[in-house]
Amino acid sequence: MTWLSVDLCVVPIGVGTSLSPYIAACQRVIANTGLNCCLGPNGTAIEGEWDQVMECVRACHEEIHRMGAPRIYTTLKLNTRTDRQQTFQDKINSVESLVKSDQ
C-alpha cells in the first residue's frame, strides 16, 4: 500500500472572481469520501490510499464542471510513503516539537 498525502488547489476559470462557492462544493465532495482532510487558505490537504485520493481529486473536478466552470486549473503536490503511514498531523507535530525544543 502506498500512503499518499496531497495539497490540492483547484481554480475554476471563467466563473468570475469569487471562487468560494466552488471551493465549498469541493470540500463537500472531499468530506463525502471520508478521507482525512484539512482546509487551508490556498488549498486543501488530503490523505489516504493512492486510488481513493486520486478519485477524490477527479470527483472535485467533475463537481466544479457540473457547476458550470468551463475550465479548471489545478495544482497538486504529492507526497508518498511506502514504509509507513504518516499523517499530515504527524508531520506538523514533528516540526512543532523541534521548534519548541529550540526555545
N, C-alpha and C. Protein backbone atom coordinates (compact mmCIF):
# COMPACT_ATOMS: atom_id res chain seq x y z
N MET A 1 0.84 -1.19 0.00
CA MET A 1 0.00 0.00 0.00
C MET A 1 0.89 1.25 0.00
N THR A 2 0.51 2.19 -0.82
CA THR A 2 1.21 3.47 -0.84
C THR A 2 0.33 4.52 -0.18
N TRP A 3 0.85 5.12 0.87
CA TRP A 3 0.15 6.19 1.58
C TRP A 3 0.46 7.49 0.87
N LEU A 4 -0.58 8.25 0.58
CA LEU A 4 -0.45 9.46 -0.21
C LEU A 4 -1.04 10.63 0.54
N SER A 5 -0.31 11.71 0.55
CA SER A 5 -0.90 12.97 1.01
C SER A 5 -0.67 13.98 -0.09
N VAL A 6 -1.69 14.81 -0.31
CA VAL A 6 -1.63 15.81 -1.37
C VAL A 6 -2.05 17.16 -0.82
N ASP A 7 -1.56 18.18 -1.47
CA ASP A 7 -2.09 19.53 -1.32
C ASP A 7 -2.79 19.83 -2.63
N LEU A 8 -4.09 20.02 -2.56
CA LEU A 8 -4.92 20.23 -3.74
C LEU A 8 -5.37 21.69 -3.79
N CYS A 9 -5.15 22.32 -4.92
CA CYS A 9 -5.64 23.69 -5.14
C CYS A 9 -6.33 23.72 -6.49
N VAL A 10 -7.65 23.87 -6.48
CA VAL A 10 -8.42 23.95 -7.72
C VAL A 10 -8.85 25.38 -7.95
N VAL A 11 -8.67 25.84 -9.17
CA VAL A 11 -9.03 27.21 -9.53
C VAL A 11 -9.94 27.16 -10.75
N PRO A 12 -11.25 27.33 -10.54
CA PRO A 12 -12.15 27.38 -11.68
C PRO A 12 -11.87 28.64 -12.51
N ILE A 13 -11.88 28.49 -13.80
CA ILE A 13 -11.62 29.62 -14.71
C ILE A 13 -12.89 29.91 -15.50
N GLY A 14 -13.18 31.18 -15.65
CA GLY A 14 -14.35 31.58 -16.42
C GLY A 14 -15.61 31.68 -15.59
N VAL A 15 -15.43 31.84 -14.26
CA VAL A 15 -16.59 31.88 -13.37
C VAL A 15 -16.65 33.18 -12.55
N GLY A 16 -15.81 34.14 -12.86
CA GLY A 16 -15.77 35.37 -12.07
C GLY A 16 -14.68 35.31 -11.03
N THR A 17 -14.72 36.27 -10.12
CA THR A 17 -13.64 36.38 -9.14
C THR A 17 -13.91 35.68 -7.82
N SER A 18 -15.16 35.41 -7.48
CA SER A 18 -15.46 34.73 -6.23
C SER A 18 -15.44 33.22 -6.45
N LEU A 19 -14.47 32.58 -5.82
CA LEU A 19 -14.30 31.14 -6.00
C LEU A 19 -14.85 30.32 -4.84
N SER A 20 -15.24 30.99 -3.76
CA SER A 20 -15.64 30.26 -2.56
C SER A 20 -16.79 29.27 -2.77
N PRO A 21 -17.79 29.55 -3.62
CA PRO A 21 -18.84 28.54 -3.81
C PRO A 21 -18.29 27.24 -4.42
N TYR A 22 -17.30 27.36 -5.27
CA TYR A 22 -16.71 26.19 -5.92
C TYR A 22 -15.82 25.43 -4.94
N ILE A 23 -15.09 26.17 -4.13
CA ILE A 23 -14.24 25.54 -3.13
C ILE A 23 -15.10 24.83 -2.09
N ALA A 24 -16.20 25.46 -1.69
CA ALA A 24 -17.12 24.83 -0.74
C ALA A 24 -17.69 23.54 -1.32
N ALA A 25 -18.03 23.56 -2.60
CA ALA A 25 -18.55 22.35 -3.25
C ALA A 25 -17.49 21.25 -3.24
N CYS A 26 -16.26 21.62 -3.50
CA CYS A 26 -15.16 20.65 -3.49
C CYS A 26 -14.97 20.10 -2.07
N GLN A 27 -15.10 20.95 -1.07
CA GLN A 27 -14.97 20.49 0.32
C GLN A 27 -16.06 19.47 0.66
N ARG A 28 -17.26 19.69 0.15
CA ARG A 28 -18.34 18.72 0.37
C ARG A 28 -18.01 17.39 -0.28
N VAL A 29 -17.46 17.44 -1.48
CA VAL A 29 -17.05 16.21 -2.17
C VAL A 29 -16.01 15.47 -1.34
N ILE A 30 -15.02 16.20 -0.87
CA ILE A 30 -13.95 15.58 -0.07
C ILE A 30 -14.53 14.98 1.20
N ALA A 31 -15.38 15.73 1.89
CA ALA A 31 -15.99 15.24 3.13
C ALA A 31 -16.77 13.95 2.90
N ASN A 32 -17.44 13.85 1.76
CA ASN A 32 -18.24 12.66 1.46
C ASN A 32 -17.39 11.42 1.19
N THR A 33 -16.11 11.60 0.91
CA THR A 33 -15.24 10.45 0.68
C THR A 33 -14.81 9.80 1.98
N GLY A 34 -14.87 10.55 3.07
CA GLY A 34 -14.39 10.04 4.34
C GLY A 34 -12.89 10.14 4.52
N LEU A 35 -12.19 10.69 3.52
CA LEU A 35 -10.75 10.86 3.64
C LEU A 35 -10.44 11.97 4.65
N ASN A 36 -9.29 11.86 5.29
CA ASN A 36 -8.85 12.90 6.20
C ASN A 36 -8.42 14.11 5.37
N CYS A 37 -8.87 15.29 5.78
CA CYS A 37 -8.52 16.48 5.03
C CYS A 37 -8.40 17.68 5.97
N CYS A 38 -7.75 18.71 5.48
CA CYS A 38 -7.59 19.94 6.25
C CYS A 38 -7.60 21.11 5.28
N LEU A 39 -8.63 21.93 5.37
CA LEU A 39 -8.74 23.11 4.52
C LEU A 39 -7.72 24.15 4.96
N GLY A 40 -7.03 24.72 3.99
CA GLY A 40 -6.07 25.79 4.25
C GLY A 40 -6.43 27.00 3.43
N PRO A 41 -5.70 28.09 3.58
CA PRO A 41 -6.03 29.32 2.88
C PRO A 41 -5.80 29.26 1.38
N ASN A 42 -4.94 28.35 0.92
CA ASN A 42 -4.62 28.26 -0.50
C ASN A 42 -4.72 26.85 -1.05
N GLY A 43 -5.48 26.02 -0.37
CA GLY A 43 -5.64 24.65 -0.83
C GLY A 43 -6.11 23.76 0.29
N THR A 44 -6.23 22.49 -0.02
CA THR A 44 -6.70 21.50 0.95
C THR A 44 -5.74 20.33 0.97
N ALA A 45 -5.34 19.93 2.17
CA ALA A 45 -4.54 18.72 2.34
C ALA A 45 -5.50 17.54 2.44
N ILE A 46 -5.18 16.48 1.71
CA ILE A 46 -5.98 15.26 1.71
C ILE A 46 -5.01 14.09 1.83
N GLU A 47 -5.40 13.07 2.60
CA GLU A 47 -4.52 11.91 2.72
C GLU A 47 -5.30 10.62 2.72
N GLY A 48 -4.64 9.57 2.25
CA GLY A 48 -5.24 8.25 2.20
C GLY A 48 -4.52 7.38 1.20
N GLU A 49 -5.18 6.32 0.77
CA GLU A 49 -4.59 5.45 -0.24
C GLU A 49 -4.66 6.12 -1.61
N TRP A 50 -3.68 5.83 -2.44
CA TRP A 50 -3.49 6.49 -3.74
C TRP A 50 -4.78 6.57 -4.55
N ASP A 51 -5.41 5.43 -4.79
CA ASP A 51 -6.60 5.41 -5.65
C ASP A 51 -7.74 6.23 -5.07
N GLN A 52 -7.92 6.17 -3.76
CA GLN A 52 -9.00 6.93 -3.13
C GLN A 52 -8.76 8.44 -3.24
N VAL A 53 -7.54 8.86 -3.00
CA VAL A 53 -7.22 10.29 -3.07
C VAL A 53 -7.37 10.80 -4.50
N MET A 54 -6.87 10.04 -5.47
CA MET A 54 -6.96 10.50 -6.86
C MET A 54 -8.41 10.48 -7.35
N GLU A 55 -9.20 9.54 -6.89
CA GLU A 55 -10.63 9.53 -7.23
C GLU A 55 -11.30 10.76 -6.64
N CYS A 56 -10.91 11.16 -5.46
CA CYS A 56 -11.45 12.37 -4.82
C CYS A 56 -11.12 13.61 -5.65
N VAL A 57 -9.89 13.71 -6.13
CA VAL A 57 -9.49 14.84 -6.97
C VAL A 57 -10.35 14.88 -8.24
N ARG A 58 -10.53 13.71 -8.86
CA ARG A 58 -11.38 13.63 -10.06
C ARG A 58 -12.80 14.07 -9.74
N ALA A 59 -13.34 13.62 -8.63
CA ALA A 59 -14.71 13.97 -8.25
C ALA A 59 -14.85 15.48 -8.00
N CYS A 60 -13.82 16.10 -7.45
CA CYS A 60 -13.85 17.56 -7.27
C CYS A 60 -13.94 18.25 -8.62
N HIS A 61 -13.14 17.80 -9.57
CA HIS A 61 -13.19 18.38 -10.92
C HIS A 61 -14.58 18.21 -11.53
N GLU A 62 -15.11 17.02 -11.42
CA GLU A 62 -16.43 16.76 -12.01
C GLU A 62 -17.50 17.67 -11.39
N GLU A 63 -17.45 17.87 -10.09
CA GLU A 63 -18.44 18.71 -9.42
C GLU A 63 -18.31 20.17 -9.84
N ILE A 64 -17.10 20.65 -9.93
CA ILE A 64 -16.90 22.06 -10.32
C ILE A 64 -17.33 22.27 -11.77
N HIS A 65 -17.04 21.32 -12.65
CA HIS A 65 -17.53 21.41 -14.03
C HIS A 65 -19.06 21.36 -14.06
N ARG A 66 -19.64 20.49 -13.22
CA ARG A 66 -21.09 20.39 -13.16
C ARG A 66 -21.72 21.72 -12.76
N MET A 67 -21.00 22.49 -11.96
CA MET A 67 -21.49 23.80 -11.51
C MET A 67 -21.36 24.87 -12.58
N GLY A 68 -20.75 24.53 -13.70
CA GLY A 68 -20.68 25.47 -14.81
C GLY A 68 -19.31 26.02 -15.14
N ALA A 69 -18.29 25.62 -14.41
CA ALA A 69 -16.93 26.09 -14.72
C ALA A 69 -16.46 25.41 -16.01
N PRO A 70 -16.15 26.20 -17.04
CA PRO A 70 -15.73 25.59 -18.29
C PRO A 70 -14.29 25.06 -18.25
N ARG A 71 -13.51 25.57 -17.31
CA ARG A 71 -12.11 25.18 -17.23
C ARG A 71 -11.67 25.22 -15.77
N ILE A 72 -10.76 24.33 -15.41
CA ILE A 72 -10.21 24.29 -14.05
C ILE A 72 -8.70 24.14 -14.15
N TYR A 73 -8.00 25.01 -13.43
CA TYR A 73 -6.54 24.91 -13.31
C TYR A 73 -6.25 24.36 -11.92
N THR A 74 -5.57 23.24 -11.85
CA THR A 74 -5.30 22.59 -10.58
C THR A 74 -3.81 22.40 -10.36
N THR A 75 -3.38 22.71 -9.14
CA THR A 75 -2.03 22.33 -8.73
C THR A 75 -2.18 21.25 -7.68
N LEU A 76 -1.30 20.28 -7.76
CA LEU A 76 -1.37 19.14 -6.88
C LEU A 76 0.05 18.79 -6.46
N LYS A 77 0.33 18.90 -5.18
CA LYS A 77 1.61 18.47 -4.63
C LYS A 77 1.38 17.10 -4.00
N LEU A 78 2.22 16.14 -4.34
CA LEU A 78 2.07 14.76 -3.88
C LEU A 78 3.22 14.36 -2.98
N ASN A 79 2.90 13.60 -1.95
CA ASN A 79 3.91 13.04 -1.07
C ASN A 79 3.50 11.59 -0.81
N THR A 80 4.38 10.66 -1.16
CA THR A 80 4.06 9.25 -0.94
C THR A 80 5.07 8.61 0.00
N ARG A 81 4.58 7.59 0.70
CA ARG A 81 5.43 6.77 1.57
C ARG A 81 5.01 5.32 1.39
N THR A 82 5.98 4.43 1.38
CA THR A 82 5.66 3.01 1.34
C THR A 82 6.09 2.31 2.62
N ASP A 83 6.90 3.01 3.45
CA ASP A 83 7.41 2.37 4.66
C ASP A 83 6.44 2.47 5.83
N ARG A 84 5.56 3.48 5.83
CA ARG A 84 4.60 3.62 6.92
C ARG A 84 3.57 4.68 6.56
N GLN A 85 2.50 4.70 7.35
CA GLN A 85 1.53 5.77 7.21
C GLN A 85 1.97 6.93 8.10
N GLN A 86 2.10 8.09 7.51
CA GLN A 86 2.45 9.28 8.27
C GLN A 86 1.45 10.36 7.88
N THR A 87 0.61 10.73 8.82
CA THR A 87 -0.42 11.72 8.53
C THR A 87 0.19 13.11 8.44
N PHE A 88 -0.56 14.04 7.84
CA PHE A 88 -0.05 15.40 7.80
C PHE A 88 0.03 15.98 9.21
N GLN A 89 -0.83 15.53 10.12
CA GLN A 89 -0.73 15.99 11.51
C GLN A 89 0.55 15.48 12.16
N ASP A 90 0.96 14.25 11.83
CA ASP A 90 2.24 13.74 12.33
C ASP A 90 3.39 14.64 11.89
N LYS A 91 3.36 15.07 10.64
CA LYS A 91 4.42 15.93 10.11
C LYS A 91 4.44 17.28 10.83
N ILE A 92 3.26 17.84 11.04
CA ILE A 92 3.15 19.12 11.73
C ILE A 92 3.67 18.98 13.16
N ASN A 93 3.24 17.91 13.84
CA ASN A 93 3.68 17.69 15.22
C ASN A 93 5.19 17.56 15.31
N SER A 94 5.79 16.89 14.35
CA SER A 94 7.24 16.71 14.35
C SER A 94 7.97 18.05 14.27
N VAL A 95 7.54 18.90 13.38
CA VAL A 95 8.18 20.22 13.22
C VAL A 95 7.92 21.08 14.46
N GLU A 96 6.68 21.08 14.95
CA GLU A 96 6.36 21.89 16.12
C GLU A 96 7.17 21.44 17.33
N SER A 97 7.40 20.15 17.45
CA SER A 97 8.21 19.62 18.55
C SER A 97 9.64 20.16 18.46
N LEU A 98 10.20 20.20 17.27
CA LEU A 98 11.54 20.74 17.09
C LEU A 98 11.61 22.23 17.40
N VAL A 99 10.58 22.95 16.99
CA VAL A 99 10.55 24.39 17.27
C VAL A 99 10.50 24.63 18.77
N LYS A 100 9.67 23.86 19.48
CA LYS A 100 9.56 24.00 20.94
C LYS A 100 10.87 23.65 21.63
N SER A 101 11.57 22.65 21.11
CA SER A 101 12.84 22.26 21.76
C SER A 101 13.93 23.31 21.56
N ASP A 102 13.78 24.17 20.55
CA ASP A 102 14.74 25.24 20.32
C ASP A 102 14.53 26.43 21.26
N GLN A 103 13.38 26.47 21.90
CA GLN A 103 13.06 27.64 22.73
C GLN A 103 13.61 27.52 24.13
